N, C-alpha and C. Protein backbone atom coordinates (compact mmCIF):
# COMPACT_ATOMS: atom_id res chain seq x y z
N MET A 1 17.87 -23.75 49.09
CA MET A 1 17.01 -23.32 48.82
C MET A 1 16.63 -23.89 47.43
N ASN A 2 15.37 -24.41 47.58
CA ASN A 2 14.73 -25.28 46.54
C ASN A 2 13.96 -24.14 45.75
N VAL A 3 14.17 -24.91 44.28
CA VAL A 3 13.80 -24.12 43.65
C VAL A 3 12.22 -25.08 42.41
N ASN A 4 11.21 -24.70 42.15
CA ASN A 4 10.31 -25.26 41.57
C ASN A 4 10.06 -25.60 40.33
N PRO A 5 10.27 -26.65 39.85
CA PRO A 5 10.58 -26.96 38.29
C PRO A 5 9.72 -26.27 37.75
N THR A 6 8.70 -26.00 37.98
CA THR A 6 7.55 -25.03 36.90
C THR A 6 7.92 -23.56 36.60
N VAL A 7 8.35 -23.12 37.58
CA VAL A 7 8.93 -21.75 37.46
C VAL A 7 10.22 -22.04 37.10
N LEU A 8 11.48 -22.70 37.16
CA LEU A 8 12.35 -23.12 36.11
C LEU A 8 12.46 -22.79 35.00
N LEU A 9 11.10 -23.66 34.64
CA LEU A 9 10.72 -24.30 33.14
C LEU A 9 10.31 -23.19 32.44
N THR A 10 9.53 -22.12 33.04
CA THR A 10 8.58 -20.91 32.97
C THR A 10 9.74 -19.56 32.39
N LEU A 11 10.72 -19.75 33.22
CA LEU A 11 11.57 -18.79 33.40
C LEU A 11 12.61 -19.03 32.13
N ILE A 12 12.87 -20.42 31.92
CA ILE A 12 13.48 -20.97 31.04
C ILE A 12 13.45 -20.08 29.45
N LEU A 13 11.63 -21.05 29.47
CA LEU A 13 10.97 -20.74 28.00
C LEU A 13 10.76 -19.01 27.81
N LEU A 14 10.70 -18.09 28.90
CA LEU A 14 10.39 -16.67 28.54
C LEU A 14 11.50 -16.31 28.41
N SER A 15 12.85 -16.83 29.07
CA SER A 15 14.01 -15.96 28.09
C SER A 15 14.36 -16.43 26.67
N LEU A 16 13.95 -17.74 26.18
CA LEU A 16 14.42 -18.22 25.11
C LEU A 16 13.48 -17.26 24.41
N MET A 17 11.87 -17.15 24.20
CA MET A 17 11.20 -16.30 23.73
C MET A 17 11.52 -14.92 23.48
N VAL A 18 12.02 -14.32 24.20
CA VAL A 18 12.63 -13.13 24.32
C VAL A 18 14.06 -12.67 23.26
N GLY A 19 15.15 -14.04 23.58
CA GLY A 19 15.73 -14.01 23.04
C GLY A 19 15.68 -14.42 21.25
N ALA A 20 14.66 -14.92 20.75
CA ALA A 20 14.31 -15.34 19.80
C ALA A 20 13.84 -14.35 19.26
N GLY A 21 12.80 -13.11 20.00
CA GLY A 21 12.34 -12.01 19.43
C GLY A 21 13.25 -10.69 19.15
N ALA A 22 14.30 -10.67 19.94
CA ALA A 22 15.30 -9.92 19.66
C ALA A 22 16.20 -10.24 18.43
N THR A 23 16.35 -11.77 18.34
CA THR A 23 17.36 -12.05 17.09
C THR A 23 16.28 -11.76 15.68
N SER A 24 15.01 -12.05 15.98
CA SER A 24 14.12 -11.73 14.77
C SER A 24 13.90 -10.44 14.34
N ALA A 25 14.08 -9.39 15.59
CA ALA A 25 13.90 -8.49 15.10
C ALA A 25 15.32 -7.80 14.69
N VAL A 26 16.32 -8.08 15.01
CA VAL A 26 17.57 -7.48 14.71
C VAL A 26 17.89 -8.25 13.18
N TRP A 27 17.62 -9.44 12.81
CA TRP A 27 17.62 -9.97 11.33
C TRP A 27 16.95 -9.03 10.48
N GLY A 28 15.51 -9.13 10.87
CA GLY A 28 14.31 -8.35 10.08
C GLY A 28 14.48 -6.81 9.63
N TYR A 29 15.58 -5.99 10.54
CA TYR A 29 16.21 -4.92 10.70
C TYR A 29 17.10 -4.53 9.64
N ARG A 30 18.25 -5.69 9.22
CA ARG A 30 19.32 -5.85 8.50
C ARG A 30 18.95 -5.91 7.12
N LEU A 31 17.97 -7.22 7.04
CA LEU A 31 17.45 -7.73 5.78
C LEU A 31 16.94 -6.42 5.30
N GLY A 32 16.05 -5.42 5.95
CA GLY A 32 15.35 -4.19 5.63
C GLY A 32 16.30 -3.43 4.85
N ARG A 33 17.28 -3.21 5.89
CA ARG A 33 18.32 -1.86 5.40
C ARG A 33 18.71 -2.08 3.92
N GLY A 34 19.39 -3.96 4.22
CA GLY A 34 19.82 -4.00 2.68
C GLY A 34 19.23 -4.19 1.55
N ALA A 35 17.99 -4.33 1.74
CA ALA A 35 17.29 -4.24 0.63
C ALA A 35 16.77 -2.45 -0.11
N LEU A 36 16.72 -1.74 0.99
CA LEU A 36 16.94 -0.37 0.72
C LEU A 36 17.83 -0.08 0.52
N GLN A 37 19.04 -0.02 0.50
CA GLN A 37 20.07 0.35 0.55
C GLN A 37 20.52 1.13 -0.71
N GLY A 38 19.96 0.85 -2.08
CA GLY A 38 20.30 1.84 -3.02
C GLY A 38 19.39 2.63 -3.66
N ILE A 39 18.18 2.18 -2.81
CA ILE A 39 17.27 3.75 -3.06
C ILE A 39 17.29 4.67 -2.57
N THR A 40 17.09 5.71 -3.13
CA THR A 40 17.03 6.81 -2.84
C THR A 40 16.10 7.78 -2.96
N GLN A 41 15.20 9.13 -2.07
CA GLN A 41 14.20 9.31 -2.25
C GLN A 41 14.26 10.62 -3.56
N PRO A 42 13.53 10.82 -4.24
CA PRO A 42 13.32 11.74 -5.54
C PRO A 42 13.67 12.69 -5.25
N ASP A 43 14.15 13.72 -5.78
CA ASP A 43 14.34 15.35 -5.55
C ASP A 43 13.38 16.06 -5.65
N ALA A 44 12.11 16.04 -6.53
CA ALA A 44 11.19 16.65 -6.33
C ALA A 44 9.86 15.91 -6.99
N ARG A 45 8.64 16.34 -6.93
CA ARG A 45 7.50 15.45 -6.98
C ARG A 45 7.36 15.66 -8.51
N PRO A 46 7.34 13.80 -9.15
CA PRO A 46 7.20 13.82 -10.45
C PRO A 46 6.38 15.09 -11.15
N VAL A 47 4.76 15.01 -10.37
CA VAL A 47 3.56 15.33 -10.73
C VAL A 47 3.77 16.87 -11.21
N ASN A 48 4.57 17.75 -10.45
CA ASN A 48 4.76 18.91 -10.78
C ASN A 48 5.44 19.20 -11.98
N ASN A 49 5.98 18.03 -12.37
CA ASN A 49 6.91 18.40 -13.92
C ASN A 49 6.40 18.18 -15.05
N LEU A 50 5.24 17.70 -15.24
CA LEU A 50 4.62 17.10 -16.02
C LEU A 50 4.14 18.31 -17.25
N ALA A 51 4.56 18.24 -18.63
CA ALA A 51 3.95 18.86 -19.30
C ALA A 51 3.50 18.68 -20.65
N ASP A 52 2.97 19.37 -21.37
CA ASP A 52 2.24 18.53 -22.74
C ASP A 52 3.12 18.77 -24.04
N GLU A 53 2.82 18.54 -24.99
CA GLU A 53 3.62 18.57 -26.55
C GLU A 53 4.05 20.22 -26.41
N GLN A 54 3.37 21.18 -26.09
CA GLN A 54 4.03 22.42 -26.55
C GLN A 54 4.65 23.11 -25.44
N GLY A 55 4.75 22.00 -24.28
CA GLY A 55 5.88 22.66 -23.02
C GLY A 55 4.64 23.56 -21.78
N LYS A 56 3.51 23.43 -22.22
CA LYS A 56 3.07 24.06 -21.56
C LYS A 56 2.73 23.26 -20.15
N PRO A 57 2.67 23.54 -18.70
CA PRO A 57 2.51 22.45 -17.50
C PRO A 57 1.03 21.95 -17.89
N ILE A 58 0.58 20.84 -17.38
CA ILE A 58 -0.25 20.26 -17.43
C ILE A 58 -1.26 20.62 -16.10
N ARG A 59 -2.36 20.94 -16.23
CA ARG A 59 -3.00 21.38 -15.09
C ARG A 59 -4.11 20.41 -14.81
N ARG A 60 -4.17 20.10 -13.50
CA ARG A 60 -4.96 18.77 -13.50
C ARG A 60 -6.19 19.50 -12.60
N GLU A 61 -7.58 18.82 -13.22
CA GLU A 61 -8.62 19.18 -12.68
C GLU A 61 -8.91 18.46 -11.51
N GLY A 62 -10.14 19.30 -10.67
CA GLY A 62 -10.40 18.89 -9.58
C GLY A 62 -11.18 17.49 -9.44
N LEU A 63 -11.37 17.10 -8.56
CA LEU A 63 -12.00 15.42 -8.43
C LEU A 63 -13.59 15.95 -8.92
N THR A 64 -13.79 15.19 -9.87
CA THR A 64 -15.38 15.08 -10.41
C THR A 64 -16.00 13.54 -9.59
N PHE A 65 -17.18 14.25 -9.08
CA PHE A 65 -17.83 13.61 -8.57
C PHE A 65 -19.30 13.08 -9.46
N LEU A 66 -19.61 11.63 -9.75
CA LEU A 66 -20.43 11.25 -10.74
C LEU A 66 -21.86 11.18 -10.17
N LYS A 67 -22.96 11.21 -10.64
CA LYS A 67 -24.32 11.27 -9.89
C LYS A 67 -24.73 10.09 -9.92
N GLU A 68 -25.02 9.51 -8.46
CA GLU A 68 -25.70 7.70 -8.77
C GLU A 68 -26.65 7.83 -9.63
N ASP A 69 -27.72 8.68 -9.92
CA ASP A 69 -28.59 8.37 -10.73
C ASP A 69 -28.45 8.17 -12.30
N ASP A 70 -27.59 8.47 -12.77
CA ASP A 70 -26.37 8.82 -13.88
C ASP A 70 -26.08 7.23 -14.21
N ILE A 71 -25.16 6.85 -13.07
CA ILE A 71 -24.73 5.55 -13.12
C ILE A 71 -25.52 4.20 -13.31
N LEU A 72 -26.76 4.57 -12.20
CA LEU A 72 -27.51 3.78 -12.24
C LEU A 72 -28.39 3.58 -13.84
N ALA A 73 -28.55 4.80 -14.20
CA ALA A 73 -29.70 4.54 -15.90
C ALA A 73 -28.61 4.13 -16.49
N GLY A 74 -27.44 4.17 -16.57
CA GLY A 74 -26.16 3.70 -17.44
C GLY A 74 -26.60 2.05 -17.17
N VAL A 75 -26.38 1.87 -16.01
CA VAL A 75 -25.97 0.28 -15.64
C VAL A 75 -27.57 -0.37 -16.82
N LYS A 76 -28.22 0.37 -16.00
CA LYS A 76 -29.62 -0.56 -16.44
C LYS A 76 -30.07 -0.82 -18.08
N ALA A 77 -29.32 0.62 -18.50
CA ALA A 77 -29.30 0.09 -20.01
C ALA A 77 -28.48 -0.63 -20.82
N ARG A 78 -27.19 -0.55 -20.25
CA ARG A 78 -26.40 -1.92 -20.56
C ARG A 78 -27.07 -3.38 -20.21
N ILE A 79 -27.73 -3.20 -19.28
CA ILE A 79 -28.47 -4.90 -18.43
C ILE A 79 -29.33 -5.15 -19.96
N GLU A 80 -30.17 -4.09 -20.32
CA GLU A 80 -31.12 -4.30 -20.87
C GLU A 80 -30.89 -4.53 -22.35
N GLY A 81 -29.50 -3.71 -22.70
CA GLY A 81 -29.32 -4.51 -24.11
C GLY A 81 -28.94 -2.95 -24.87
N GLY A 82 -29.19 -2.09 -24.19
CA GLY A 82 -28.81 -1.10 -24.80
C GLY A 82 -28.07 -0.14 -25.42
N SER A 83 -27.36 0.83 -25.41
CA SER A 83 -25.76 1.22 -25.75
C SER A 83 -25.20 1.13 -24.92
N ALA A 84 -24.03 0.96 -25.99
CA ALA A 84 -22.53 0.75 -24.48
C ALA A 84 -22.52 1.88 -23.82
N ALA A 85 -21.63 1.44 -22.88
CA ALA A 85 -21.68 2.89 -21.85
C ALA A 85 -20.52 3.93 -22.22
N PRO A 86 -20.86 4.91 -22.05
CA PRO A 86 -20.42 6.11 -22.40
C PRO A 86 -18.50 6.24 -22.70
N GLY A 87 -18.20 6.37 -23.46
CA GLY A 87 -16.46 6.06 -23.73
C GLY A 87 -15.82 4.79 -23.99
N ASN A 88 -16.75 3.87 -24.00
CA ASN A 88 -16.51 2.72 -24.50
C ASN A 88 -16.97 2.11 -25.85
N PRO A 89 -16.40 2.45 -27.03
CA PRO A 89 -17.11 1.89 -27.96
C PRO A 89 -17.37 0.16 -28.12
N GLU A 90 -18.56 -0.22 -28.51
CA GLU A 90 -18.66 -1.34 -28.68
C GLU A 90 -19.18 -1.86 -29.75
């Protein structure tokens, strides 16, 4: 039985690539597991436990969308040398 050298080289390279991939996967898994070994998941969501100075829970307001026209007017005023942006004392 005569084996073609090209086929033999292809099979050798393929087996080396599979071995290198498996070795890399095992090494990456062990490295990641070791990095996360001392990390634990929090018991509760910290956002729900926030309170103000009086001990009342802080209520979060919903998402507020800004109007594009207001943003563009503010930018245009700042470019032209007008007043500072709202909430930004300069």
